[in-house]
N, C-alpha and C. Protein backbone atom coordinates (compact mmCIF):
# COMPACT_ATOMS: atom_id res chain seq x y z
N UNK A 1 -18.19 -4.37 4.39
CA UNK A 1 -18.73 -4.67 3.06
C UNK A 1 -19.40 -3.46 2.43
N UNK A 2 -19.80 -2.51 3.26
CA UNK A 2 -20.47 -1.33 2.71
C UNK A 2 -19.52 -0.47 1.87
N UNK A 3 -18.22 -0.72 1.93
CA UNK A 3 -17.24 0.01 1.11
C UNK A 3 -17.03 -0.61 -0.27
N UNK A 4 -17.64 -1.75 -0.54
CA UNK A 4 -17.35 -2.48 -1.78
C UNK A 4 -17.61 -1.65 -3.03
N UNK A 5 -18.75 -1.00 -3.12
CA UNK A 5 -19.06 -0.22 -4.33
C UNK A 5 -18.11 0.95 -4.50
N UNK A 6 -17.73 1.61 -3.40
CA UNK A 6 -16.78 2.72 -3.49
C UNK A 6 -15.42 2.22 -3.94
N UNK A 7 -15.01 1.05 -3.43
CA UNK A 7 -13.73 0.49 -3.86
C UNK A 7 -13.72 0.24 -5.36
N UNK A 8 -14.79 -0.33 -5.88
CA UNK A 8 -14.86 -0.59 -7.31
C UNK A 8 -14.79 0.73 -8.08
N UNK A 9 -15.53 1.71 -7.65
CA UNK A 9 -15.56 3.01 -8.32
C UNK A 9 -14.17 3.64 -8.39
N UNK A 10 -13.41 3.51 -7.31
CA UNK A 10 -12.11 4.18 -7.24
C UNK A 10 -10.93 3.30 -7.66
N UNK A 11 -11.04 2.00 -7.47
CA UNK A 11 -9.92 1.10 -7.77
C UNK A 11 -9.92 0.58 -9.20
N UNK A 12 -11.04 0.64 -9.86
CA UNK A 12 -11.13 0.11 -11.22
C UNK A 12 -10.51 1.10 -12.20
N UNK A 13 -9.18 1.15 -12.17
CA UNK A 13 -8.44 2.13 -12.97
C UNK A 13 -7.09 1.51 -13.34
N UNK A 14 -6.83 1.33 -14.63
CA UNK A 14 -5.55 0.71 -15.02
C UNK A 14 -4.34 1.53 -14.62
N UNK A 15 -4.49 2.84 -14.45
CA UNK A 15 -3.35 3.67 -14.02
C UNK A 15 -2.97 3.39 -12.57
N UNK A 16 -3.92 3.00 -11.75
CA UNK A 16 -3.62 2.60 -10.37
C UNK A 16 -2.98 1.22 -10.38
N UNK A 17 -3.61 0.28 -11.06
CA UNK A 17 -3.10 -1.09 -11.10
C UNK A 17 -1.68 -1.16 -11.66
N UNK A 18 -1.34 -0.29 -12.59
CA UNK A 18 -0.01 -0.29 -13.20
C UNK A 18 1.09 0.04 -12.21
N UNK A 19 0.73 0.67 -11.09
CA UNK A 19 1.71 1.09 -10.08
C UNK A 19 1.78 0.13 -8.89
N UNK A 20 0.97 -0.94 -8.94
CA UNK A 20 0.88 -1.85 -7.81
C UNK A 20 1.25 -3.27 -8.20
N UNK A 21 1.38 -4.12 -7.20
CA UNK A 21 1.65 -5.53 -7.45
C UNK A 21 0.50 -6.15 -8.24
N UNK A 22 0.78 -7.25 -8.91
CA UNK A 22 -0.23 -7.89 -9.75
C UNK A 22 -1.42 -8.41 -8.94
N UNK A 23 -1.28 -8.59 -7.66
CA UNK A 23 -2.41 -9.08 -6.87
C UNK A 23 -3.55 -8.06 -6.81
N UNK A 24 -3.26 -6.80 -7.17
CA UNK A 24 -4.30 -5.77 -7.28
C UNK A 24 -4.92 -5.91 -8.67
N UNK A 25 -6.17 -6.39 -8.76
CA UNK A 25 -6.73 -6.75 -10.06
C UNK A 25 -7.11 -5.54 -10.92
N UNK A 26 -7.08 -5.78 -12.22
CA UNK A 26 -7.59 -4.81 -13.17
C UNK A 26 -8.15 -5.59 -14.35
N UNK A 27 -9.43 -5.46 -14.66
CA UNK A 27 -10.38 -4.57 -14.00
C UNK A 27 -10.67 -5.01 -12.55
N UNK A 28 -11.13 -4.06 -11.76
CA UNK A 28 -11.44 -4.29 -10.36
C UNK A 28 -12.96 -4.38 -10.25
N UNK A 29 -13.46 -5.57 -9.95
CA UNK A 29 -14.90 -5.84 -9.97
C UNK A 29 -15.47 -5.86 -8.55
N UNK A 30 -16.78 -5.94 -8.48
CA UNK A 30 -17.45 -6.04 -7.18
C UNK A 30 -17.03 -7.33 -6.48
N UNK A 31 -16.81 -8.41 -7.21
CA UNK A 31 -16.35 -9.65 -6.60
C UNK A 31 -14.94 -9.48 -6.02
N UNK A 32 -14.09 -8.73 -6.72
CA UNK A 32 -12.75 -8.45 -6.19
C UNK A 32 -12.85 -7.68 -4.88
N UNK A 33 -13.70 -6.67 -4.86
CA UNK A 33 -13.88 -5.86 -3.64
C UNK A 33 -14.41 -6.71 -2.50
N UNK A 34 -15.38 -7.54 -2.76
CA UNK A 34 -15.96 -8.38 -1.72
C UNK A 34 -14.94 -9.40 -1.20
N UNK A 35 -14.17 -10.00 -2.09
CA UNK A 35 -13.14 -10.96 -1.69
C UNK A 35 -12.08 -10.26 -0.82
N UNK A 36 -11.64 -9.07 -1.24
CA UNK A 36 -10.66 -8.31 -0.49
C UNK A 36 -11.20 -7.93 0.89
N UNK A 37 -12.41 -7.40 0.95
CA UNK A 37 -12.98 -6.98 2.23
C UNK A 37 -13.20 -8.16 3.16
N UNK A 38 -13.60 -9.29 2.63
CA UNK A 38 -13.75 -10.50 3.45
C UNK A 38 -12.42 -10.88 4.08
N UNK A 39 -11.35 -10.81 3.29
CA UNK A 39 -10.03 -11.21 3.78
C UNK A 39 -9.49 -10.25 4.84
N UNK A 40 -9.72 -8.96 4.68
CA UNK A 40 -9.07 -8.00 5.59
C UNK A 40 -9.93 -7.58 6.78
N UNK A 41 -11.13 -8.09 6.86
CA UNK A 41 -12.00 -7.70 7.98
C UNK A 41 -12.24 -8.85 8.96
N UNK A 42 -11.37 -9.83 8.97
CA UNK A 42 -11.55 -10.99 9.86
C UNK A 42 -11.19 -10.70 11.31
N UNK A 43 -10.47 -9.62 11.57
CA UNK A 43 -10.08 -9.24 12.93
C UNK A 43 -9.28 -10.32 13.64
N UNK A 44 -8.37 -10.93 12.91
CA UNK A 44 -7.49 -11.94 13.47
C UNK A 44 -6.21 -11.25 13.93
N UNK A 45 -5.97 -11.26 15.24
CA UNK A 45 -4.79 -10.60 15.81
C UNK A 45 -3.48 -11.16 15.27
N UNK A 46 -3.48 -12.39 14.80
CA UNK A 46 -2.27 -13.01 14.30
C UNK A 46 -2.12 -12.91 12.78
N UNK A 47 -3.06 -12.25 12.12
CA UNK A 47 -2.99 -12.12 10.66
C UNK A 47 -1.74 -11.34 10.28
N UNK A 48 -1.14 -11.74 9.20
CA UNK A 48 0.07 -11.06 8.74
C UNK A 48 -0.25 -9.76 8.00
N UNK A 49 -1.47 -9.65 7.52
CA UNK A 49 -1.86 -8.45 6.77
C UNK A 49 -2.84 -7.62 7.58
N UNK A 50 -2.60 -6.32 7.60
CA UNK A 50 -3.49 -5.38 8.29
C UNK A 50 -3.73 -4.20 7.35
N UNK A 51 -4.99 -3.93 7.05
CA UNK A 51 -5.33 -2.90 6.06
C UNK A 51 -6.43 -2.00 6.60
N UNK A 52 -6.30 -0.70 6.29
CA UNK A 52 -7.33 0.28 6.60
C UNK A 52 -7.72 1.02 5.32
N UNK A 53 -8.93 1.56 5.31
CA UNK A 53 -9.36 2.39 4.20
C UNK A 53 -8.79 3.79 4.36
N UNK A 54 -8.52 4.43 3.25
CA UNK A 54 -8.27 5.87 3.23
C UNK A 54 -9.60 6.49 2.81
N UNK A 55 -10.14 7.33 3.68
CA UNK A 55 -11.46 7.92 3.44
C UNK A 55 -11.35 9.41 3.16
N UNK A 56 -12.18 9.87 2.24
CA UNK A 56 -12.37 11.30 1.99
C UNK A 56 -13.87 11.51 1.97
N UNK A 57 -14.34 12.45 2.76
CA UNK A 57 -15.78 12.72 2.86
C UNK A 57 -16.58 11.46 3.13
N UNK A 58 -16.08 10.64 4.07
CA UNK A 58 -16.74 9.41 4.52
C UNK A 58 -16.87 8.34 3.43
N UNK A 59 -16.04 8.42 2.39
CA UNK A 59 -16.06 7.41 1.34
C UNK A 59 -14.66 6.80 1.22
N UNK A 60 -14.60 5.46 1.10
CA UNK A 60 -13.33 4.78 0.90
C UNK A 60 -12.83 5.09 -0.50
N UNK A 61 -11.67 5.77 -0.57
CA UNK A 61 -11.09 6.16 -1.86
C UNK A 61 -9.69 5.58 -2.05
N UNK A 62 -9.28 4.73 -1.13
CA UNK A 62 -7.96 4.12 -1.21
C UNK A 62 -7.75 3.20 -0.03
N UNK A 63 -6.51 2.74 0.10
CA UNK A 63 -6.18 1.85 1.20
C UNK A 63 -4.74 1.99 1.60
N UNK A 64 -4.46 1.62 2.84
CA UNK A 64 -3.11 1.63 3.37
C UNK A 64 -2.99 0.43 4.31
N UNK A 65 -1.87 -0.23 4.27
CA UNK A 65 -1.72 -1.39 5.14
C UNK A 65 -0.31 -1.93 5.16
N UNK A 66 -0.16 -2.98 5.93
CA UNK A 66 1.14 -3.64 6.04
C UNK A 66 0.97 -5.14 5.86
N UNK A 67 2.05 -5.76 5.42
CA UNK A 67 2.18 -7.21 5.45
C UNK A 67 3.39 -7.47 6.34
N UNK A 68 3.12 -8.09 7.48
CA UNK A 68 4.18 -8.31 8.46
C UNK A 68 5.10 -9.45 8.02
N UNK A 69 6.37 -9.29 8.39
CA UNK A 69 7.34 -10.34 8.14
C UNK A 69 7.14 -11.49 9.11
N UNK A 70 7.77 -12.61 8.80
CA UNK A 70 7.67 -13.79 9.65
C UNK A 70 9.07 -14.24 10.06
N UNK A 71 9.11 -15.16 11.01
CA UNK A 71 10.35 -15.77 11.48
C UNK A 71 11.31 -14.66 11.92
N UNK A 72 12.52 -14.65 11.42
CA UNK A 72 13.51 -13.66 11.87
C UNK A 72 13.16 -12.26 11.39
N UNK A 73 12.26 -12.14 10.41
CA UNK A 73 11.84 -10.82 9.93
C UNK A 73 10.53 -10.35 10.56
N UNK A 74 10.16 -10.94 11.67
CA UNK A 74 8.90 -10.59 12.32
C UNK A 74 8.90 -9.19 12.92
N UNK A 75 10.04 -8.52 12.95
CA UNK A 75 10.12 -7.15 13.45
C UNK A 75 10.04 -6.12 12.32
N UNK A 76 9.76 -6.59 11.10
CA UNK A 76 9.62 -5.67 9.98
C UNK A 76 8.35 -5.99 9.20
N UNK A 77 7.95 -5.03 8.38
CA UNK A 77 6.75 -5.20 7.57
C UNK A 77 6.88 -4.36 6.31
N UNK A 78 6.13 -4.79 5.29
CA UNK A 78 6.06 -4.02 4.05
C UNK A 78 4.83 -3.14 4.09
N UNK A 79 5.01 -1.88 3.77
CA UNK A 79 3.92 -0.92 3.69
C UNK A 79 3.41 -0.86 2.26
N UNK A 80 2.11 -0.81 2.11
CA UNK A 80 1.50 -0.64 0.80
C UNK A 80 0.36 0.36 0.88
N UNK A 81 0.05 0.98 -0.24
CA UNK A 81 -1.02 1.98 -0.27
C UNK A 81 -1.44 2.22 -1.71
N UNK A 82 -2.65 2.73 -1.85
CA UNK A 82 -3.14 3.20 -3.15
C UNK A 82 -4.20 4.26 -2.90
N UNK A 83 -4.43 5.08 -3.90
CA UNK A 83 -5.41 6.15 -3.79
C UNK A 83 -6.09 6.37 -5.13
N UNK A 84 -7.37 6.67 -5.10
CA UNK A 84 -8.12 7.00 -6.30
C UNK A 84 -7.42 8.12 -7.07
N UNK A 85 -7.35 7.98 -8.38
CA UNK A 85 -6.70 9.00 -9.20
C UNK A 85 -7.35 10.38 -9.02
N UNK A 86 -8.62 10.41 -8.70
CA UNK A 86 -9.32 11.68 -8.51
C UNK A 86 -8.74 12.49 -7.36
N UNK A 87 -7.97 11.85 -6.49
CA UNK A 87 -7.42 12.53 -5.30
C UNK A 87 -5.89 12.64 -5.32
N UNK A 88 -5.25 12.26 -6.43
CA UNK A 88 -3.80 12.36 -6.52
C UNK A 88 -3.36 13.81 -6.41
N UNK A 89 -2.18 14.01 -5.85
CA UNK A 89 -1.57 15.34 -5.79
C UNK A 89 -2.09 16.25 -4.69
N UNK A 90 -2.83 15.71 -3.75
CA UNK A 90 -3.40 16.54 -2.67
C UNK A 90 -2.75 16.29 -1.31
N UNK A 91 -1.74 15.44 -1.25
CA UNK A 91 -1.08 15.15 0.02
C UNK A 91 -1.81 14.16 0.90
N UNK A 92 -2.84 13.51 0.37
CA UNK A 92 -3.67 12.60 1.17
C UNK A 92 -2.87 11.37 1.60
N UNK A 93 -2.15 10.76 0.66
CA UNK A 93 -1.39 9.55 1.01
C UNK A 93 -0.22 9.90 1.93
N UNK A 94 0.44 11.02 1.67
CA UNK A 94 1.53 11.44 2.56
C UNK A 94 1.02 11.56 3.99
N UNK A 95 -0.10 12.22 4.16
CA UNK A 95 -0.70 12.38 5.49
C UNK A 95 -1.09 11.03 6.09
N UNK A 96 -1.66 10.16 5.28
CA UNK A 96 -2.06 8.84 5.78
C UNK A 96 -0.84 8.06 6.25
N UNK A 97 0.25 8.09 5.48
CA UNK A 97 1.46 7.37 5.87
C UNK A 97 2.06 7.97 7.14
N UNK A 98 2.08 9.29 7.23
CA UNK A 98 2.64 9.94 8.42
C UNK A 98 1.89 9.55 9.69
N UNK A 99 0.61 9.28 9.58
CA UNK A 99 -0.18 8.86 10.74
C UNK A 99 -0.10 7.35 10.95
N UNK A 100 -0.20 6.60 9.87
CA UNK A 100 -0.29 5.15 9.95
C UNK A 100 1.03 4.49 10.31
N UNK A 101 2.13 4.92 9.70
CA UNK A 101 3.42 4.23 9.88
C UNK A 101 3.86 4.19 11.35
N UNK A 102 3.91 5.32 12.06
CA UNK A 102 4.32 5.23 13.48
C UNK A 102 3.35 4.42 14.32
N UNK A 103 2.05 4.54 14.03
CA UNK A 103 1.06 3.77 14.76
C UNK A 103 1.28 2.28 14.54
N UNK A 104 1.47 1.86 13.27
CA UNK A 104 1.65 0.44 12.95
C UNK A 104 2.94 -0.09 13.59
N UNK A 105 3.99 0.71 13.58
CA UNK A 105 5.25 0.26 14.18
C UNK A 105 5.06 0.00 15.67
N UNK A 106 4.36 0.89 16.33
CA UNK A 106 4.09 0.73 17.77
C UNK A 106 3.14 -0.46 18.01
N UNK A 107 2.04 -0.49 17.29
CA UNK A 107 0.99 -1.50 17.49
C UNK A 107 1.51 -2.91 17.27
N UNK A 108 2.35 -3.11 16.25
CA UNK A 108 2.82 -4.44 15.90
C UNK A 108 4.27 -4.68 16.34
N UNK A 109 4.80 -3.77 17.16
CA UNK A 109 6.15 -3.90 17.71
C UNK A 109 7.19 -4.11 16.60
N UNK A 110 7.13 -3.23 15.61
CA UNK A 110 8.03 -3.32 14.47
C UNK A 110 9.22 -2.38 14.67
N UNK A 111 10.37 -2.78 14.17
CA UNK A 111 11.53 -1.90 14.18
C UNK A 111 11.77 -1.30 12.80
N UNK A 112 11.09 -1.83 11.77
CA UNK A 112 11.35 -1.39 10.41
C UNK A 112 10.12 -1.56 9.54
N UNK A 113 9.84 -0.54 8.74
CA UNK A 113 8.85 -0.62 7.68
C UNK A 113 9.59 -0.38 6.37
N UNK A 114 9.21 -1.12 5.34
CA UNK A 114 9.79 -0.82 4.02
C UNK A 114 8.67 -0.78 2.99
N UNK A 115 8.92 -0.02 1.94
CA UNK A 115 7.98 0.09 0.83
C UNK A 115 8.79 0.06 -0.46
N UNK A 116 8.34 -0.74 -1.39
CA UNK A 116 8.99 -0.83 -2.70
C UNK A 116 8.17 -0.04 -3.71
N UNK A 117 8.86 0.74 -4.54
CA UNK A 117 8.19 1.44 -5.63
C UNK A 117 8.87 1.08 -6.93
N UNK A 118 8.09 1.02 -7.99
CA UNK A 118 8.71 0.84 -9.30
C UNK A 118 9.58 2.05 -9.58
N UNK A 119 10.72 1.82 -10.20
CA UNK A 119 11.68 2.89 -10.47
C UNK A 119 11.07 4.00 -11.33
N UNK A 120 10.08 3.65 -12.14
CA UNK A 120 9.45 4.65 -13.01
C UNK A 120 8.19 5.27 -12.39
N UNK A 121 8.12 5.26 -11.06
CA UNK A 121 7.01 5.89 -10.34
C UNK A 121 7.57 6.90 -9.32
N UNK A 122 8.13 8.00 -9.82
CA UNK A 122 8.73 8.97 -8.91
C UNK A 122 7.73 9.63 -7.96
N UNK A 123 6.46 9.69 -8.33
CA UNK A 123 5.47 10.30 -7.45
C UNK A 123 5.34 9.51 -6.15
N UNK A 124 5.35 8.20 -6.23
CA UNK A 124 5.26 7.38 -5.03
C UNK A 124 6.52 7.53 -4.17
N UNK A 125 7.66 7.63 -4.83
CA UNK A 125 8.92 7.85 -4.11
C UNK A 125 8.87 9.17 -3.34
N UNK A 126 8.36 10.21 -3.97
CA UNK A 126 8.25 11.53 -3.30
C UNK A 126 7.31 11.45 -2.10
N UNK A 127 6.20 10.73 -2.26
CA UNK A 127 5.26 10.57 -1.15
C UNK A 127 5.97 9.94 0.05
N UNK A 128 6.71 8.87 -0.20
CA UNK A 128 7.41 8.19 0.90
C UNK A 128 8.45 9.10 1.54
N UNK A 129 9.20 9.83 0.74
CA UNK A 129 10.20 10.74 1.29
C UNK A 129 9.55 11.83 2.14
N UNK A 130 8.45 12.40 1.65
CA UNK A 130 7.74 13.43 2.42
C UNK A 130 7.18 12.87 3.72
N UNK A 131 6.88 11.58 3.73
CA UNK A 131 6.32 10.93 4.92
C UNK A 131 7.40 10.47 5.89
N UNK A 132 8.67 10.68 5.56
CA UNK A 132 9.74 10.34 6.49
C UNK A 132 10.52 9.08 6.17
N UNK A 133 10.28 8.47 5.04
CA UNK A 133 11.04 7.29 4.62
C UNK A 133 12.31 7.75 3.87
N UNK A 134 13.33 6.92 3.90
CA UNK A 134 14.55 7.20 3.15
C UNK A 134 14.82 6.05 2.19
N UNK A 135 15.43 6.39 1.06
CA UNK A 135 15.75 5.34 0.10
C UNK A 135 16.93 4.53 0.62
N UNK A 136 16.73 3.23 0.67
CA UNK A 136 17.76 2.32 1.17
C UNK A 136 18.55 1.70 0.03
N UNK A 137 17.85 1.32 -1.05
CA UNK A 137 18.54 0.62 -2.14
C UNK A 137 17.67 0.61 -3.38
N UNK A 138 18.26 0.07 -4.44
CA UNK A 138 17.54 -0.21 -5.67
C UNK A 138 17.73 -1.69 -5.96
N UNK A 139 16.62 -2.39 -6.10
CA UNK A 139 16.69 -3.79 -6.51
C UNK A 139 16.61 -3.81 -8.03
N UNK A 140 17.74 -4.04 -8.67
CA UNK A 140 17.83 -3.97 -10.12
C UNK A 140 17.15 -5.18 -10.77
N UNK A 141 16.31 -4.86 -11.75
CA UNK A 141 15.61 -5.88 -12.54
C UNK A 141 14.90 -6.91 -11.65
N UNK A 142 14.25 -6.41 -10.62
CA UNK A 142 13.66 -7.29 -9.61
C UNK A 142 12.19 -7.61 -9.83
N UNK A 143 11.53 -6.90 -10.75
CA UNK A 143 10.09 -7.08 -10.90
C UNK A 143 9.72 -7.07 -12.38
N UNK A 144 8.56 -7.62 -12.64
CA UNK A 144 8.00 -7.56 -13.99
C UNK A 144 6.57 -7.06 -13.90
N UNK A 145 6.25 -6.08 -14.72
CA UNK A 145 4.89 -5.53 -14.76
C UNK A 145 4.53 -5.30 -16.21
N UNK A 146 3.42 -5.87 -16.63
CA UNK A 146 2.96 -5.78 -18.02
C UNK A 146 4.07 -6.16 -19.00
N UNK A 147 4.82 -7.21 -18.65
CA UNK A 147 5.85 -7.74 -19.53
C UNK A 147 7.16 -6.98 -19.52
N UNK A 148 7.25 -5.93 -18.73
CA UNK A 148 8.47 -5.12 -18.68
C UNK A 148 9.22 -5.39 -17.37
N UNK A 149 10.51 -5.72 -17.48
CA UNK A 149 11.35 -5.91 -16.29
C UNK A 149 11.67 -4.53 -15.72
N UNK A 150 11.50 -4.39 -14.41
CA UNK A 150 11.66 -3.08 -13.77
C UNK A 150 12.55 -3.16 -12.55
N UNK A 151 13.23 -2.05 -12.28
CA UNK A 151 13.94 -1.86 -11.02
C UNK A 151 12.93 -1.47 -9.96
N UNK A 152 13.24 -1.82 -8.71
CA UNK A 152 12.40 -1.44 -7.58
C UNK A 152 13.24 -0.62 -6.60
N UNK A 153 12.72 0.53 -6.21
CA UNK A 153 13.34 1.34 -5.17
C UNK A 153 12.82 0.86 -3.83
N UNK A 154 13.72 0.73 -2.86
CA UNK A 154 13.34 0.31 -1.52
C UNK A 154 13.48 1.51 -0.58
N UNK A 155 12.37 1.87 0.04
CA UNK A 155 12.34 2.97 1.01
C UNK A 155 12.07 2.38 2.39
N UNK A 156 12.72 2.95 3.40
CA UNK A 156 12.56 2.42 4.75
C UNK A 156 12.30 3.51 5.78
N UNK A 157 11.65 3.09 6.84
CA UNK A 157 11.51 3.89 8.06
C UNK A 157 11.88 2.95 9.19
N UNK A 158 12.80 3.39 10.04
CA UNK A 158 13.18 2.57 11.18
C UNK A 158 12.87 3.34 12.46
N UNK A 159 12.66 2.57 13.51
CA UNK A 159 12.40 3.18 14.81
C UNK A 159 13.68 3.71 15.39
C-alpha cells in the first residue's frame, strides 16, 4: 500500500491509459491505486494474475505482470506492462521484460507468453521485439479504444 501515492503520480496520465486496456483507469485516483494494490497483493498461489512494480530509485513508476490462461490454455499467459511517461525511451521496460518473462515462464510452468499491442503503438512493439518476442499475428479490428476500432498486434515468446 505504500506504493499507492507513487502509482497515482505516475499512472494518472491519459497518454499511458490510451495505450492500455480500459481496465486501466483514467483519471487514476488514490482509490484506484488502493483497489489495485489490494487485489494484487493477496499472495494467492492460485491467482490468475501476478503483478510486480517497476521501480526506479526505490519508487514504483510502472508495473509488469501476467494473466494466466485457464483450462487448456493454462500453459500460456498474457504479459502486460506500463511505465511512467517520465521514464519512456530509457530501456527500462525492455530490461524488465527480459528479466521477468523467463522468470514467469519458469515459475508458472508456462510454454508461451503473449502480449497484444495496439497497431498504432509501434514503441511498445519495439520494446517487445528488443525483449525477445516475435510478432505472431495481427488481430484485425479486434479492439475499441476511445471509440476507435483498432487492430491488435500479437507478440509471443515461447519456451
